Protein backbone atom coordinates (compact mmCIF):
# COMPACT_ATOMS: atom_id res chain seq x y z
CA MET A 1 1.24 3.07 -11.24
CA ARG A 2 5.29 3.19 -10.99
CA VAL A 3 4.73 5.13 -7.72
CA ALA A 4 2.34 2.32 -6.48
CA LYS A 5 4.62 -0.52 -7.53
CA ALA A 6 7.58 0.83 -6.07
CA ALA A 7 5.78 1.32 -2.67
CA ILE A 8 5.12 -2.17 -2.88
CA HIS A 9 8.58 -3.08 -3.23
CA SER A 10 9.78 -0.52 -0.56
CA ILE A 11 7.15 -2.19 1.89
CA ARG A 12 8.13 -5.75 1.09
CA ASN A 13 12.08 -4.75 1.83
CA ASP A 14 10.86 -3.17 5.12
CA LEU A 15 9.08 -6.22 6.41
CA THR A 16 11.58 -8.78 5.16
CA PRO A 17 14.01 -8.57 7.68
CA ILE A 18 11.19 -8.06 10.65
CA LEU A 19 9.66 -11.23 9.47
CA SER A 20 12.70 -13.16 9.47
CA PHE A 21 13.80 -12.05 12.84
CA ALA A 22 10.33 -12.90 14.16
CA GLU A 23 10.46 -16.36 12.66
CA MET A 24 13.92 -16.51 14.81
CA ALA A 25 12.32 -14.74 17.96
CA LEU A 26 9.48 -17.55 17.94
CA ALA A 27 12.17 -20.15 17.98
CA GLY A 28 13.45 -18.61 20.99
CA ASP A 29 16.70 -16.85 19.86
CA SER A 30 16.58 -13.56 22.38
CA GLU A 31 18.92 -11.72 20.44
CA ALA A 32 16.24 -12.10 17.21
CA GLN A 33 13.58 -10.64 19.86
CA LYS A 34 15.43 -7.48 20.36
CA LEU A 35 16.28 -7.15 16.56
CA VAL A 36 12.25 -7.61 15.49
CA LEU A 37 11.48 -4.34 17.79
CA THR A 38 14.64 -2.55 16.95
CA GLN A 39 13.64 -3.31 13.09
CA LEU A 40 10.00 -2.67 13.83
CA VAL A 41 10.37 0.74 15.20
CA ARG A 42 13.09 1.71 12.66
CA ARG A 43 10.96 0.93 9.44
CA THR A 44 7.43 1.77 10.95
CA GLY A 45 7.31 5.42 9.43
CA SER A 46 8.48 3.91 5.85
CA ILE A 47 5.86 1.28 6.12
CA ARG A 48 3.13 3.88 7.02
CA ALA A 49 4.25 5.76 4.11
CA GLY A 50 4.07 3.20 1.39
CA LEU A 51 0.69 2.21 2.79
CA ASP A 52 -0.28 5.69 2.42
CA ILE A 53 0.89 5.55 -1.19
CA LEU A 54 -0.72 2.37 -2.02
CA THR A 55 -3.94 3.68 -0.20
CA ASP A 56 -3.88 6.68 -2.62
CA ALA A 57 -3.40 4.76 -5.66
CA VAL A 58 -6.60 2.33 -5.22
CA ARG A 59 -8.70 5.11 -4.33
CA SER A 60 -7.61 6.81 -7.71
CA GLN A 61 -7.91 3.76 -9.42
CA LYS A 62 -11.73 3.70 -8.15
CA ARG A 63 -12.45 7.26 -9.30
CA ALA A 64 -11.01 6.59 -12.49
CA ASP A 65 -13.31 3.24 -12.86
CA GLU A 66 -16.39 4.89 -11.69
CA VAL A 67 -15.86 7.72 -14.25
CA VAL A 68 -15.10 4.95 -17.24
CA ASN A 69 -17.80 2.80 -16.06
CA ALA A 70 -20.59 5.97 -15.47
CA PRO A 71 -23.78 4.95 -17.55
CA LEU A 72 -23.96 7.44 -20.58
CA GLN A 73 -26.82 10.06 -20.47
CA THR A 74 -28.22 11.04 -23.83
CA VAL A 75 -29.01 14.80 -23.92
CA ALA A 76 -31.62 16.19 -26.63
CA PRO A 77 -30.22 18.85 -28.57
CA PRO A 78 -31.10 22.37 -28.20
CA GLY A 79 -34.90 23.05 -29.07
CA LYS A 80 -35.87 19.04 -29.39
CA ALA A 81 -36.96 18.69 -25.84
């Protein structure tokens, strides 16, 4: 779970400047338009890695929940079928 939390923070840190520059670019700032693309290209690998970690964490949690919530099956003791 610590790895997933670290991935969330990493993704947030990567997206924050991109979103800030995107807001400025939408307001017509030509320098911000260049910076959005630069930041996006520079941080794409890190964002993708963080998303992969989160995907794995969710899948692991689903498998754990399936095991914990699986219906119990009773088995007759040997000789008492």
